[in-house]
Amino acid sequence: MSKTKTVSEILIDVLTQAGVSNCYGIIGDTLNFVGKAIEKSSINWVHTRHEEAAAFAAGAEAMITNKLTACAGSCGPGSLHLINGLYESNRNNAPVIVIASQLAASSIGTGFPQEVDFLKVYQDTSVFCQMVNQPQEAQRIFTQAAQAAINKRGVAVVILPSDISKMEVVEQPIKIWHPQPVTRPNDNEIEELVKAINQGNKITIYAGYGSKDAHDEVIALAEKLKAPVVHTSRAKDSIAWENPYQIGMTGMFGTKAGYEAVKNCDTLLLLGCSFAWTEYYPENANIIQIDHEATQLGLRHPISLGLVGDVKTTLQTILPKIQPRNDSSFLDHHTALFTKIMTKYKANATPDDKHPIHPQQLIELIDKYADDDALITADVGTPMLWGARYLSMNGKRRFLTSLKHGTMSNGMPQAYGFQKAFPHRQVISLSGDGGLAMLMGDLLTAKQENLPIKIVVFNNSSLNFVEQEQKGEGLVEVFVDLKNGDFKTIAEGCGFNAQSVSKSSELEAAVQTFLAHKGPALLDVVISDKELIMPPAISYENVKNMVWYGSKAIFVGKGKDVIDMIKNNI
């Protein structure tokens, strides 16, 4: 005789079979039977203090492990709180399954308190979204959701009414498929690709996140072509390490070397790259794009040749056919420029108590003393920029920030996801003071779950990235000042070992102590609020707007701010 189980138990059996280790969330009445099913399973319930943090953490774990991860919310407000983290996860192509528990099916459509139409809410941020209307269809929907998240690379949402969650049905055999197809252009397209590359003289490789599994192939191609390698921010940890051809990034986060290598080439190879800012593309170059998704071809900028294929497989196919180059002058110019730029950066990382702490000094010390296999997250804003520009990668470190969604307060909860995935590795969040404050209640998650994460606060009492955007528009800053509390005291109250530093000469010792602590630790660093994010190329428009800002600031009595900004950056 077939054994019956509750729908909740079948859901958890499917998730277990699909490889889920952790489910992040906050329990609630409509989730109670799901919670009991998790308690009896091998899946670990991770109790966050806000559902938004749960979704961020689940997405981070899914990205770093490449495994299906779960998060859950109760009816109405509980599941709605997941939404920002789910946008982040879906845009990152992270395989996340969402258990959105719902009111009893008999109450839906009556305007009952907390009723929300999750089918409408989640359609725009998922690759799969269905509600279980009958207990007999539950296992099929759960299985479809798991396979969609894994194979479509995104968020799958299961909406589960509370009354259905406790009904019993017969469980069928469970099988979750994880196919791994290999894709490359056809033979005629390969020949066209090889011909286009061989005709180029000044060739630049622009490697994106789609190249993350092709580190060795990208370097082999760069060696043959004597081509500089520019990488996107998302590709930093997979492309920049042990790569003598890498010259950083272009765009606002980039360096002059990366900017000029893209702008001045005659052939640009976009490898798994979908860089969005069209003004940084070359104007008179043959642009060749290889991507796994046909709809990405030519999406950002007109291209000369677009092909569908896995970057690794495609490069392995064409490498024997590429003509080796002897002239390395284009490459040498840009690698020398990159070395000069990084040497100049080191100057701002030198301790100097006459001035406020430069963020460059802080990021260099984190880079110096962090473990070789540290997992690092960064809040959107200036921590994201300093991390993307100046952290060094070695093939073992990982770096994650919110680049496609660009949301505040991502760093700390993503660090929780990293720590749950790898309990014995060092996990560091580069947190902005504004970002940390937004989800500060989830400092308690470290205590709740015994997670030894390290949070370093870039404390400039400002929404600094926004402030610089306003100045760059020629405006005197408005509504960006932050009157922060005492982060050290708050963190200590949440179970962290905490320090505050405002002197440059004391920073190195503080960083060492902070990173060496065995449990959760927070380091609050008061950094300069006048540090400018210098773009890779300064345009007339940049200069004009900053002059306008300076003139207006002096006129409204902020002349000292202008003088301090000049002293700090020039």
Protein backbone atom coordinates (compact mmCIF):
# COMPACT_ATOMS: atom_id res chain seq x y z
CA MET A 1 0.00 0.00 0.00
CA SER A 2 1.35 3.41 -1.01
CA LYS A 3 2.35 5.70 1.83
CA THR A 4 0.78 9.14 2.07
CA LYS A 5 2.56 12.32 3.18
CA THR A 6 1.53 15.89 3.71
CA VAL A 7 2.06 18.25 0.79
CA SER A 8 4.64 20.08 2.94
CA GLU A 9 6.58 16.86 3.48
CA ILE A 10 6.55 16.13 -0.25
CA LEU A 11 7.81 19.66 -0.95
CA ILE A 12 10.76 19.13 1.37
CA ASP A 13 11.45 15.68 -0.12
CA VAL A 14 11.64 17.29 -3.58
CA LEU A 15 13.94 20.07 -2.34
CA THR A 16 16.18 17.53 -0.61
CA GLN A 17 16.41 15.47 -3.79
CA ALA A 18 17.24 18.67 -5.70
CA GLY A 19 20.21 19.35 -3.43
CA VAL A 20 18.91 22.07 -1.13
CA SER A 21 20.95 22.39 2.08
CA ASN A 22 19.53 25.58 3.60
CA CYS A 23 16.22 27.40 3.66
CA TYR A 24 16.33 31.05 4.80
CA GLY A 25 13.35 32.89 6.22
CA ILE A 26 11.07 33.78 9.10
CA ILE A 27 8.43 31.31 10.22
CA GLY A 28 4.77 32.37 10.23
CA ASP A 29 1.33 30.85 10.62
CA THR A 30 0.84 29.82 6.99
CA LEU A 31 4.35 28.31 6.98
CA ASN A 32 3.90 26.16 10.07
CA PHE A 33 3.48 22.79 8.36
CA VAL A 34 6.37 23.54 5.99
CA GLY A 35 8.46 24.40 9.04
CA LYS A 36 7.65 21.08 10.71
CA ALA A 37 8.56 19.23 7.52
CA ILE A 38 11.93 21.04 7.39
CA GLU A 39 12.57 20.24 11.05
CA LYS A 40 12.30 16.51 10.28
CA SER A 41 14.53 16.73 7.20
CA SER A 42 18.24 17.24 6.46
CA ILE A 43 17.57 20.82 5.31
CA ASN A 44 18.70 23.49 7.75
CA TRP A 45 16.34 26.37 8.58
CA VAL A 46 18.28 29.67 8.72
CA HIS A 47 16.40 32.14 10.91
CA THR A 48 17.03 35.67 9.61
CA ARG A 49 15.44 38.78 11.13
CA HIS A 50 14.08 40.16 7.86
CA GLU A 51 12.86 38.24 4.82
CA GLU A 52 14.78 40.58 2.49
CA ALA A 53 17.99 39.40 4.14
CA ALA A 54 16.81 35.80 3.69
CA ALA A 55 16.44 36.24 -0.07
CA PHE A 56 19.84 37.97 -0.39
CA ALA A 57 21.51 35.19 1.61
CA ALA A 58 19.85 32.42 -0.39
CA GLY A 59 20.90 34.03 -3.66
CA ALA A 60 24.50 34.38 -2.50
CA GLU A 61 24.67 30.74 -1.43
CA ALA A 62 23.16 29.62 -4.72
CA MET A 63 25.68 31.66 -6.71
CA ILE A 64 28.78 30.49 -4.89
CA THR A 65 27.79 26.81 -4.70
CA ASN A 66 25.92 26.61 -8.01
CA LYS A 67 23.31 24.61 -6.09
CA LEU A 68 19.62 25.14 -5.56
CA THR A 69 18.95 27.11 -2.37
CA ALA A 70 15.61 27.96 -0.74
CA CYS A 71 13.99 30.86 1.05
CA ALA A 72 10.51 31.16 2.49
CA GLY A 73 7.97 33.74 3.58
CA SER A 74 4.59 33.63 5.25
CA CYS A 75 1.41 34.99 3.69
CA GLY A 76 1.05 38.65 2.69
CA PRO A 77 3.77 40.88 4.17
CA GLY A 78 6.16 38.03 4.97
CA SER A 79 6.62 36.90 1.40
CA LEU A 80 6.45 40.47 0.07
CA HIS A 81 9.56 41.26 2.10
CA LEU A 82 11.46 38.74 -0.05
CA ILE A 83 10.94 40.70 -3.25
CA ASN A 84 14.08 42.88 -3.38
CA GLY A 85 16.39 39.96 -2.67
CA LEU A 86 14.57 37.90 -5.30
CA TYR A 87 15.13 40.55 -7.96
CA GLU A 88 18.81 40.41 -7.01
CA SER A 89 18.91 36.60 -7.23
CA ASN A 90 17.03 36.38 -10.51
CA ARG A 91 19.21 39.00 -12.18
CA ASN A 92 22.29 37.14 -10.96
CA ASN A 93 20.98 33.89 -12.50
CA ALA A 94 21.13 32.28 -9.06
CA PRO A 95 19.08 29.04 -8.72
CA VAL A 96 16.74 29.91 -5.85
CA ILE A 97 13.40 28.33 -5.00
CA VAL A 98 10.88 30.40 -3.05
CA ILE A 99 8.21 28.95 -0.78
CA ALA A 100 5.60 31.70 -0.73
CA SER A 101 3.02 30.43 1.71
CA GLN A 102 -0.49 31.73 1.17
CA LEU A 103 -3.81 32.04 2.95
CA ALA A 104 -6.09 29.03 2.89
CA ALA A 105 -7.38 28.43 -0.64
CA SER A 106 -10.94 28.93 0.56
CA SER A 107 -10.08 32.53 1.60
CA ILE A 108 -8.40 33.62 -1.64
CA GLY A 109 -10.38 36.26 -3.49
CA THR A 110 -12.38 37.39 -0.47
CA GLY A 111 -10.23 40.37 0.55
CA PHE A 112 -9.19 38.50 3.69
CA PRO A 113 -6.54 40.28 5.84
CA GLN A 114 -2.99 39.83 4.45
CA GLU A 115 -4.29 38.56 1.10
CA VAL A 116 -1.79 39.28 -1.73
CA ASP A 117 -1.92 37.98 -5.29
CA PHE A 118 1.58 36.49 -5.41
CA LEU A 119 1.10 35.27 -8.98
CA LYS A 120 1.03 38.91 -10.11
CA VAL A 121 3.76 40.03 -7.74
CA TYR A 122 6.38 37.43 -8.67
CA GLN A 123 5.91 37.11 -12.43
CA ASP A 124 8.50 39.78 -13.20
CA THR A 125 11.23 38.34 -11.00
CA SER A 126 11.12 34.62 -11.65
CA VAL A 127 11.67 31.96 -14.29
CA PHE A 128 8.80 29.93 -12.85
CA CYS A 129 5.78 30.90 -10.74
CA GLN A 130 2.79 28.67 -9.98
CA MET A 131 0.29 28.21 -7.17
CA VAL A 132 -0.71 24.80 -5.88
CA ASN A 133 -4.50 24.68 -6.29
CA GLN A 134 -4.98 20.96 -5.65
CA PRO A 135 -2.87 18.66 -3.44
CA GLN A 136 -2.64 16.09 -6.25
CA GLU A 137 -0.69 18.54 -8.46
CA ALA A 138 1.73 19.62 -5.73
CA GLN A 139 4.59 17.20 -6.44
CA ARG A 140 4.56 18.01 -10.15
CA ILE A 141 4.70 21.76 -9.45
CA PHE A 142 7.47 21.35 -6.88
CA THR A 143 9.52 19.29 -9.32
CA GLN A 144 8.95 21.74 -12.18
CA ALA A 145 9.98 24.61 -9.94
CA ALA A 146 13.21 22.95 -8.86
CA GLN A 147 14.16 22.03 -12.42
CA ALA A 148 13.30 25.51 -13.71
CA ALA A 149 15.48 27.22 -11.10
CA ILE A 150 18.39 24.88 -11.77
CA ASN A 151 18.22 24.77 -15.56
CA LYS A 152 16.88 28.24 -16.39
CA ARG A 153 19.22 29.77 -13.83
CA GLY A 154 16.91 31.94 -11.80
CA VAL A 155 14.21 32.20 -9.18
CA ALA A 156 11.34 29.70 -9.09
CA VAL A 157 8.32 30.51 -6.93
CA VAL A 158 5.90 27.99 -5.43
CA ILE A 159 2.78 29.56 -3.91
CA LEU A 160 1.41 27.16 -1.30
CA PRO A 161 -1.94 27.80 0.45
CA SER A 162 -1.82 26.87 4.11
CA ASP A 163 -4.75 24.42 4.01
CA ILE A 164 -3.24 22.53 1.09
CA SER A 165 0.17 22.42 2.82
CA LYS A 166 -1.22 20.01 5.46
CA MET A 167 -3.31 17.79 3.19
CA GLU A 168 -2.08 14.25 2.56
CA VAL A 169 -1.43 12.66 -0.83
CA VAL A 170 0.51 9.68 -2.14
CA GLU A 171 4.13 10.52 -2.94
CA GLN A 172 5.50 9.44 -6.34
CA PRO A 173 9.18 8.68 -7.15
CA ILE A 174 11.22 11.90 -7.29
CA LYS A 175 13.81 12.66 -9.97
CA ILE A 176 15.42 16.06 -10.58
CA TRP A 177 17.35 16.47 -13.83
CA HIS A 178 20.58 18.50 -14.04
CA PRO A 179 21.60 18.34 -17.73
CA GLN A 180 24.89 20.02 -18.70
CA PRO A 181 24.77 20.64 -22.47
CA VAL A 182 27.80 21.96 -24.36
CA THR A 183 27.15 24.70 -26.91
CA ARG A 184 29.36 26.20 -29.59
CA PRO A 185 28.90 27.91 -32.98
CA ASN A 186 28.59 25.64 -36.03
CA ASP A 187 31.62 24.93 -38.22
CA ASN A 188 30.87 27.71 -40.74
CA GLU A 189 30.44 30.22 -37.92
CA ILE A 190 33.70 29.04 -36.33
CA GLU A 191 35.55 29.73 -39.58
CA GLU A 192 33.94 33.18 -39.83
CA LEU A 193 34.94 33.90 -36.25
CA VAL A 194 38.55 32.82 -36.77
CA LYS A 195 38.80 34.93 -39.95
CA ALA A 196 37.44 38.02 -38.18
CA ILE A 197 39.89 37.64 -35.30
CA ASN A 198 42.88 36.96 -37.55
CA GLN A 199 42.19 40.17 -39.50
CA GLY A 200 42.48 42.34 -36.38
CA ASN A 201 45.62 44.23 -35.38
CA LYS A 202 44.91 46.04 -32.12
CA ILE A 203 42.73 43.47 -30.38
CA THR A 204 41.22 43.81 -26.91
CA ILE A 205 39.47 41.01 -25.05
CA TYR A 206 36.56 42.09 -22.85
CA ALA A 207 35.70 39.16 -20.57
CA GLY A 208 32.39 39.09 -18.71
CA TYR A 209 30.74 36.78 -16.22
CA GLY A 210 30.02 34.33 -19.03
CA SER A 211 33.79 33.67 -19.14
CA LYS A 212 33.92 32.56 -15.50
CA ASP A 213 34.79 28.96 -16.42
CA ALA A 214 37.23 29.92 -19.20
CA HIS A 215 40.13 31.49 -17.27
CA ASP A 216 42.86 29.40 -18.94
CA GLU A 217 41.34 29.71 -22.40
CA VAL A 218 41.06 33.51 -22.16
CA ILE A 219 44.73 33.75 -21.15
CA ALA A 220 45.78 31.40 -23.96
CA LEU A 221 43.90 33.55 -26.48
CA ALA A 222 45.43 36.75 -25.06
CA GLU A 223 48.90 35.22 -25.37
CA LYS A 224 48.36 34.32 -29.02
CA LEU A 225 46.85 37.68 -29.91
CA LYS A 226 49.10 39.79 -27.65
CA ALA A 227 45.82 41.29 -26.49
CA PRO A 228 45.09 43.12 -23.23
CA VAL A 229 42.27 41.61 -21.19
CA VAL A 230 39.66 43.95 -19.71
CA HIS A 231 37.11 42.34 -17.39
CA THR A 232 33.71 43.32 -16.08
CA SER A 233 33.19 43.75 -12.34
CA ARG A 234 31.32 40.45 -12.10
CA ALA A 235 34.20 38.60 -13.78
CA LYS A 236 36.91 39.96 -11.47
CA ASP A 237 37.33 36.89 -9.29
CA SER A 238 37.33 34.46 -12.23
CA ILE A 239 39.48 36.31 -14.79
CA ALA A 240 41.86 38.71 -13.00
CA TRP A 241 44.00 36.18 -11.11
CA GLU A 242 47.37 34.96 -12.47
CA ASN A 243 46.64 36.88 -15.65
CA PRO A 244 49.59 38.94 -16.95
CA TYR A 245 47.35 40.40 -19.65
CA GLN A 246 44.62 41.81 -17.39
CA ILE A 247 44.43 45.60 -17.09
CA GLY A 248 41.37 46.02 -14.89
CA MET A 249 37.96 47.32 -15.92
CA THR A 250 36.44 50.10 -17.98
CA GLY A 251 33.35 52.14 -17.09
CA MET A 252 32.97 54.21 -13.92
CA PHE A 253 34.68 51.49 -11.85
CA GLY A 254 37.52 51.09 -14.30
CA THR A 255 40.99 52.45 -14.91
CA LYS A 256 42.41 54.53 -17.73
CA ALA A 257 44.19 51.41 -18.99
CA GLY A 258 40.98 49.40 -19.36
CA TYR A 259 39.10 52.38 -20.78
CA GLU A 260 41.71 53.13 -23.46
CA ALA A 261 42.24 49.47 -24.42
CA VAL A 262 38.53 49.18 -25.26
CA LYS A 263 38.21 52.60 -26.88
CA ASN A 264 41.36 52.39 -29.03
CA CYS A 265 41.24 48.82 -30.33
CA ASP A 266 40.30 47.91 -33.89
CA THR A 267 38.80 44.57 -32.81
CA LEU A 268 36.91 44.00 -29.57
CA LEU A 269 36.07 40.47 -28.44
CA LEU A 270 33.10 40.43 -26.07
CA LEU A 271 33.28 37.08 -24.29
CA GLY A 272 30.19 36.40 -22.19
CA CYS A 273 29.95 40.13 -21.62
CA SER A 274 26.84 42.31 -21.52
CA PHE A 275 28.32 45.59 -20.26
CA ALA A 276 25.44 48.07 -20.27
CA TRP A 277 27.03 51.53 -20.67
CA THR A 278 27.26 52.16 -24.42
CA GLU A 279 29.43 55.28 -24.12
CA TYR A 280 32.39 53.09 -23.15
CA TYR A 281 32.32 50.98 -26.31
CA PRO A 282 34.65 51.79 -29.23
CA GLU A 283 33.28 53.88 -32.06
CA ASN A 284 35.24 52.46 -35.01
CA ALA A 285 36.05 48.84 -34.23
CA ASN A 286 34.88 45.43 -35.33
CA ILE A 287 32.99 44.07 -32.32
CA ILE A 288 32.69 40.30 -32.05
CA GLN A 289 30.36 38.91 -29.39
CA ILE A 290 30.10 35.36 -28.06
CA ASP A 291 27.31 34.64 -25.61
CA HIS A 292 25.32 31.62 -24.47
CA GLU A 293 22.06 33.52 -25.05
CA ALA A 294 21.14 34.72 -28.56
CA THR A 295 18.97 37.56 -27.28
CA GLN A 296 22.09 39.20 -25.76
CA LEU A 297 23.80 39.58 -29.13
CA GLY A 298 23.99 43.26 -30.10
CA LEU A 299 21.76 44.21 -27.18
CA ARG A 300 24.05 46.91 -25.77
CA HIS A 301 25.85 48.13 -28.89
CA PRO A 302 25.91 47.31 -32.64
CA ILE A 303 28.25 44.41 -33.35
CA SER A 304 29.98 43.05 -36.46
CA LEU A 305 29.62 39.36 -35.64
CA GLY A 306 27.48 37.62 -33.03
CA LEU A 307 27.67 33.92 -32.17
CA VAL A 308 26.01 31.65 -29.62
CA GLY A 309 28.22 29.37 -27.59
CA ASP A 310 29.80 28.62 -24.23
CA VAL A 311 32.91 30.79 -24.02
CA LYS A 312 35.13 27.95 -22.80
CA THR A 313 34.04 25.48 -25.49
CA THR A 314 34.14 28.07 -28.25
CA LEU A 315 37.65 29.25 -27.37
CA GLN A 316 38.90 25.67 -27.14
CA THR A 317 37.58 25.15 -30.67
CA ILE A 318 39.18 28.26 -32.22
CA LEU A 319 42.52 28.44 -30.37
CA PRO A 320 44.35 26.03 -32.72
CA LYS A 321 43.19 28.12 -35.69
CA ILE A 322 44.27 31.55 -34.36
CA GLN A 323 47.41 33.07 -35.91
CA PRO A 324 49.98 33.92 -33.20
CA ARG A 325 51.14 37.55 -33.12
CA ASN A 326 54.66 38.89 -32.55
CA ASP A 327 53.88 42.59 -32.15
CA SER A 328 53.05 43.21 -28.49
CA SER A 329 53.21 47.03 -28.54
CA PHE A 330 49.45 47.51 -28.04
CA LEU A 331 49.48 45.09 -25.12
CA ASP A 332 52.69 46.48 -23.60
CA HIS A 333 51.40 50.06 -23.64
CA HIS A 334 48.26 49.17 -21.69
CA THR A 335 49.88 46.80 -19.18
CA ALA A 336 52.50 49.47 -18.41
CA LEU A 337 49.75 52.06 -17.95
CA PHE A 338 47.86 49.71 -15.62
CA THR A 339 51.01 49.16 -13.52
CA LYS A 340 51.51 52.94 -13.25
CA ILE A 341 47.90 53.45 -12.14
CA MET A 342 48.10 50.77 -9.45
CA THR A 343 51.38 52.23 -8.18
CA LYS A 344 49.70 55.63 -7.80
CA TYR A 345 46.86 53.98 -5.89
CA LYS A 346 49.38 52.64 -3.39
CA ALA A 347 50.33 56.21 -2.46
CA ASN A 348 46.85 56.86 -1.07
CA ALA A 349 47.10 53.65 0.93
CA THR A 350 49.99 55.01 3.02
CA PRO A 351 49.18 55.83 6.67
CA ASP A 352 48.94 59.58 7.31
CA ASP A 353 47.36 60.91 10.51
CA LYS A 354 47.31 64.46 9.11
CA HIS A 355 44.36 63.49 6.93
CA PRO A 356 41.23 61.32 7.35
CA ILE A 357 41.67 57.65 6.52
CA HIS A 358 41.65 57.04 2.79
CA PRO A 359 39.39 54.15 1.72
CA GLN A 360 42.33 52.93 -0.39
CA GLN A 361 44.31 52.28 2.79
CA LEU A 362 41.43 50.33 4.30
CA ILE A 363 40.86 48.17 1.23
CA GLU A 364 44.58 47.47 0.85
CA LEU A 365 44.82 46.26 4.45
CA ILE A 366 41.76 44.06 4.07
CA ASP A 367 43.32 42.68 0.89
CA LYS A 368 46.67 42.11 2.63
CA TYR A 369 45.41 40.32 5.72
CA ALA A 370 42.33 38.47 4.44
CA ASP A 371 42.70 34.73 3.95
CA ASP A 372 43.77 33.48 0.53
CA ASP A 373 40.37 31.82 0.13
CA ALA A 374 38.32 34.60 1.73
CA LEU A 375 34.78 35.16 0.48
CA ILE A 376 34.07 38.88 0.19
CA THR A 377 30.85 40.81 -0.38
CA ALA A 378 30.42 44.56 -0.85
CA ASP A 379 27.52 46.93 -0.41
CA VAL A 380 26.41 48.95 -3.42
CA GLY A 381 28.06 52.35 -3.25
CA THR A 382 31.67 53.22 -2.58
CA PRO A 383 32.54 49.86 -0.87
CA MET A 384 31.54 48.14 -4.13
CA LEU A 385 33.83 50.43 -6.12
CA TRP A 386 36.88 50.10 -3.88
CA GLY A 387 36.46 46.33 -3.74
CA ALA A 388 35.96 45.93 -7.49
CA ARG A 389 38.94 48.14 -8.31
CA TYR A 390 41.53 47.11 -5.78
CA LEU A 391 40.94 43.70 -4.21
CA SER A 392 43.38 41.16 -5.58
CA MET A 393 42.15 37.74 -6.69
CA ASN A 394 44.06 34.46 -6.73
CA GLY A 395 41.66 31.83 -8.04
CA LYS A 396 40.39 30.95 -4.56
CA ARG A 397 38.90 34.20 -3.33
CA ARG A 398 35.39 35.16 -4.39
CA PHE A 399 33.87 38.62 -4.64
CA LEU A 400 30.16 39.44 -4.86
CA THR A 401 28.26 42.69 -4.99
CA SER A 402 24.95 43.84 -6.44
CA LEU A 403 25.93 44.86 -9.96
CA LYS A 404 22.88 43.97 -12.06
CA HIS A 405 20.24 45.03 -9.53
CA GLY A 406 22.24 47.72 -7.75
CA THR A 407 20.46 47.53 -4.41
CA MET A 408 21.57 48.93 -1.09
CA SER A 409 22.24 46.73 1.93
CA ASN A 410 23.22 43.60 0.02
CA GLY A 411 26.63 43.00 1.61
CA MET A 412 25.87 41.68 5.10
CA PRO A 413 23.05 39.26 4.16
CA GLN A 414 25.01 37.96 1.17
CA ALA A 415 27.88 37.31 3.57
CA TYR A 416 25.52 35.16 5.64
CA GLY A 417 24.77 33.07 2.56
CA PHE A 418 28.49 32.65 1.89
CA GLN A 419 29.13 31.65 5.51
CA LYS A 420 26.35 29.04 5.56
CA ALA A 421 27.70 27.56 2.33
CA PHE A 422 31.28 27.45 3.66
CA PRO A 423 31.24 27.48 7.49
CA HIS A 424 35.02 27.18 7.82
CA ARG A 425 36.09 29.89 5.39
CA GLN A 426 36.62 33.55 6.24
CA VAL A 427 33.72 35.71 5.07
CA ILE A 428 34.01 39.52 4.94
CA SER A 429 31.34 42.11 4.18
CA LEU A 430 32.51 45.53 2.99
CA SER A 431 29.51 47.47 4.29
CA GLY A 432 28.58 51.09 3.79
CA ASP A 433 27.24 52.95 6.80
CA GLY A 434 23.98 53.54 4.91
CA GLY A 435 23.76 49.94 3.70
CA LEU A 436 24.44 48.41 7.09
CA ALA A 437 21.88 50.64 8.79
CA MET A 438 19.15 49.58 6.34
CA LEU A 439 19.17 45.94 7.54
CA MET A 440 20.92 46.46 10.87
CA GLY A 441 18.49 44.19 12.68
CA ASP A 442 20.07 41.26 10.87
CA LEU A 443 23.27 41.74 12.83
CA LEU A 444 21.39 39.45 15.21
CA THR A 445 21.38 36.69 12.58
CA ALA A 446 25.09 36.14 13.25
CA LYS A 447 24.27 35.43 16.90
CA GLN A 448 21.14 33.44 16.03
CA GLU A 449 22.98 31.17 13.61
CA ASN A 450 26.48 31.29 15.16
CA LEU A 451 28.02 32.77 12.00
CA PRO A 452 31.54 34.23 12.39
CA ILE A 453 31.24 36.83 9.62
CA LYS A 454 33.46 39.91 9.55
CA ILE A 455 31.81 43.27 8.79
CA VAL A 456 33.98 46.29 8.00
CA VAL A 457 32.03 49.55 7.92
CA PHE A 458 33.09 52.30 5.49
CA ASN A 459 31.80 55.06 7.76
CA ASN A 460 31.77 58.46 6.04
CA SER A 461 28.44 59.65 7.52
CA SER A 462 27.06 60.00 4.03
CA LEU A 463 25.28 58.26 1.20
CA ASN A 464 28.61 58.92 -0.45
CA PHE A 465 28.04 57.39 -3.86
CA VAL A 466 24.85 59.42 -4.25
CA GLU A 467 26.62 62.52 -2.97
CA GLN A 468 29.27 62.16 -5.66
CA GLU A 469 26.62 61.61 -8.31
CA GLN A 470 24.99 64.88 -7.26
CA LYS A 471 28.30 66.76 -7.37
CA GLY A 472 29.01 65.22 -10.76
CA GLU A 473 25.73 66.73 -11.96
CA GLY A 474 26.93 70.16 -10.81
CA LEU A 475 24.67 70.15 -7.74
CA VAL A 476 25.36 70.97 -4.13
CA GLU A 477 24.54 67.75 -2.27
CA VAL A 478 21.15 67.36 -0.63
CA PHE A 479 19.64 64.72 1.73
CA VAL A 480 22.76 62.53 1.75
CA ASP A 481 24.09 63.16 5.27
CA LEU A 482 23.78 60.34 7.78
CA LYS A 483 23.65 60.85 11.54
CA ASN A 484 24.88 57.41 12.49
CA GLY A 485 24.67 55.85 15.90
CA ASP A 486 27.60 54.10 17.51
CA PHE A 487 28.08 51.04 15.30
CA LYS A 488 30.59 49.57 17.76
CA THR A 489 28.15 49.64 20.66
CA ILE A 490 25.25 48.38 18.55
CA ALA A 491 27.33 45.48 17.23
CA GLU A 492 28.54 44.55 20.71
CA GLY A 493 24.93 44.44 21.85
CA CYS A 494 24.25 41.96 19.04
CA GLY A 495 27.07 39.63 20.10
CA PHE A 496 29.89 40.92 17.88
CA ASN A 497 33.44 41.70 18.86
CA ALA A 498 33.65 45.34 17.73
CA GLN A 499 36.21 48.12 17.26
CA SER A 500 36.15 51.70 16.00
CA VAL A 501 39.10 53.37 14.26
CA SER A 502 39.54 56.95 13.10
CA LYS A 503 43.35 57.28 12.96
CA SER A 504 45.29 56.06 9.97
CA SER A 505 48.24 54.90 12.10
CA GLU A 506 45.99 52.59 14.15
CA LEU A 507 44.21 50.95 11.23
CA GLU A 508 46.63 48.14 10.38
CA ALA A 509 46.66 46.65 13.86
CA ALA A 510 42.88 46.97 14.09
CA VAL A 511 42.38 45.14 10.77
CA GLN A 512 44.64 42.30 11.90
CA THR A 513 42.81 41.89 15.21
CA PHE A 514 39.43 42.15 13.50
CA LEU A 515 40.15 39.46 10.91
CA ALA A 516 41.81 37.14 13.43
CA HIS A 517 38.79 37.04 15.76
CA LYS A 518 37.16 33.60 15.79
CA GLY A 519 33.55 34.77 16.08
CA PRO A 520 31.51 37.53 14.44
CA ALA A 521 33.40 40.83 14.36
CA LEU A 522 32.72 44.39 13.22
CA LEU A 523 35.29 47.08 12.44
CA ASP A 524 33.88 50.61 12.19
CA VAL A 525 36.34 52.75 10.19
CA VAL A 526 35.82 56.50 9.94
CA ILE A 527 37.00 57.27 6.40
CA SER A 528 37.27 60.46 4.42
CA ASP A 529 33.98 61.74 3.09
CA LYS A 530 35.84 63.87 0.52
CA GLU A 531 37.38 61.00 -1.45
CA LEU A 532 36.30 61.30 -5.09
CA ILE A 533 35.58 58.35 -7.35
CA MET A 534 37.77 59.35 -10.27
CA PRO A 535 36.47 58.10 -13.63
CA PRO A 536 38.94 56.45 -16.03
CA ALA A 537 38.68 59.41 -18.42
CA ILE A 538 37.82 62.93 -17.32
CA SER A 539 35.60 64.69 -19.85
CA TYR A 540 34.87 68.37 -20.36
CA GLU A 541 31.41 67.66 -18.95
CA ASN A 542 32.96 66.24 -15.76
CA VAL A 543 35.14 69.33 -15.28
CA LYS A 544 32.32 71.75 -16.07
CA ASN A 545 29.94 70.12 -13.60
CA MET A 546 32.52 70.00 -10.80
CA VAL A 547 33.28 73.71 -11.38
CA TRP A 548 29.57 74.41 -11.17
CA TYR A 549 29.39 72.40 -7.94
CA GLY A 550 32.37 74.26 -6.46
CA SER A 551 30.93 77.66 -7.35
CA LYS A 552 27.51 76.85 -5.90
CA ALA A 553 29.01 75.29 -2.76
CA ILE A 554 31.09 78.40 -2.06
CA PHE A 555 28.04 80.59 -2.67
CA VAL A 556 25.98 78.69 -0.04
CA GLY A 557 28.80 78.72 2.52
CA LYS A 558 30.42 75.34 1.86
CA GLY A 559 33.75 76.67 0.62
CA LYS A 560 35.67 74.63 3.21
CA ASP A 561 34.16 71.44 1.79
CA VAL A 562 35.47 72.36 -1.65
CA ILE A 563 38.96 73.10 -0.29
CA ASP A 564 39.01 69.83 1.69
CA MET A 565 37.91 67.90 -1.40
CA ILE A 566 40.73 69.42 -3.45
CA LYS A 567 43.31 68.69 -0.72
CA ASN A 568 42.08 65.12 -0.34
CA ASN A 569 42.23 64.23 -4.03
CA ILE A 570 44.95 66.31 -5.64
